[in-house]
Amino acid sequence: MMGTADVDRFSYRFRRSFEDGGHVDACVELSGSRWLYVSTSTALAGIRRLVAGVLADMDSVSGRL
């Protein structure tokens, strides 16, 4: 089972999106993972939840990471 420590192993990149009017956060190691939200703290929480979900899916398919 994946926990917070597993999500902490990843690198996150933040940028302001003037076109979208928010902050875009991405997980560097999981290309294609993006989270857009108005505030940086909410965007970070969102991308971390997304990564946790991806890791849980990977774990359920393979039984391990």
Protein backbone atom coordinates (compact mmCIF):
# COMPACT_ATOMS: atom_id res chain seq x y z
CA MET A 1 0.00 0.00 0.00
CA MET A 2 1.30 3.44 -0.92
CA GLY A 3 1.62 6.10 1.74
CA THR A 4 2.62 9.73 2.10
CA ALA A 5 6.31 8.82 2.13
CA ASP A 6 5.95 7.31 -1.35
CA VAL A 7 4.36 10.50 -2.71
CA ASP A 8 7.18 12.52 -1.10
CA ARG A 9 9.78 10.67 -3.22
CA PHE A 10 8.63 12.43 -6.37
CA SER A 11 9.57 15.85 -7.74
CA TYR A 12 6.91 18.45 -8.42
CA ARG A 13 7.11 21.46 -10.72
CA PHE A 14 4.94 24.55 -10.35
CA ARG A 15 4.18 27.26 -12.83
CA ARG A 16 1.67 30.05 -13.15
CA SER A 17 -0.70 29.71 -16.10
CA PHE A 18 -1.94 33.10 -17.17
CA GLU A 19 -4.01 31.49 -19.93
CA ASP A 20 -5.87 29.28 -17.45
CA GLY A 21 -5.84 31.76 -14.58
CA GLY A 22 -4.31 29.37 -12.09
CA HIS A 23 -1.28 27.36 -11.08
CA VAL A 24 -0.25 24.23 -12.95
CA ASP A 25 1.58 21.62 -10.92
CA ALA A 26 3.13 18.55 -12.45
CA CYS A 27 4.92 15.46 -11.25
CA VAL A 28 8.24 15.32 -13.08
CA GLU A 29 8.58 11.51 -12.98
CA LEU A 30 5.02 10.84 -14.16
CA SER A 31 4.84 12.67 -17.48
CA GLY A 32 1.38 13.81 -18.39
CA SER A 33 0.30 14.30 -14.79
CA ARG A 34 -0.94 17.85 -14.33
CA TRP A 35 -3.15 19.61 -11.81
CA LEU A 36 -4.59 23.09 -12.30
CA TYR A 37 -6.02 25.14 -9.46
CA VAL A 38 -6.31 28.72 -8.29
CA SER A 39 -3.82 28.56 -5.39
CA THR A 40 -0.42 26.86 -5.22
CA SER A 41 -1.19 25.04 -1.98
CA THR A 42 -4.43 23.58 -3.35
CA ALA A 43 -2.71 22.64 -6.60
CA LEU A 44 0.07 20.87 -4.69
CA ALA A 45 -2.46 18.93 -2.63
CA GLY A 46 -4.26 17.97 -5.83
CA ILE A 47 -1.19 16.72 -7.70
CA ARG A 48 -0.11 14.74 -4.63
CA ARG A 49 -3.55 13.07 -4.50
CA LEU A 50 -3.28 12.33 -8.21
CA VAL A 51 0.17 10.76 -7.77
CA ALA A 52 -1.07 8.72 -4.80
CA GLY A 53 -3.92 7.42 -6.95
CA VAL A 54 -1.57 6.50 -9.80
CA LEU A 55 0.74 4.67 -7.37
CA ALA A 56 -2.21 2.79 -5.84
CA ASP A 57 -3.38 1.75 -9.32
CA MET A 58 0.11 0.60 -10.25
CA ASP A 59 0.39 -1.32 -6.99
CA SER A 60 -2.98 -3.05 -7.48
CA VAL A 61 -2.02 -4.18 -10.99
CA SER A 62 1.49 -5.40 -10.25
CA GLY A 63 1.24 -6.15 -6.54
CA ARG A 64 4.35 -4.09 -5.94
CA LEU A 65 6.21 -1.06 -7.25
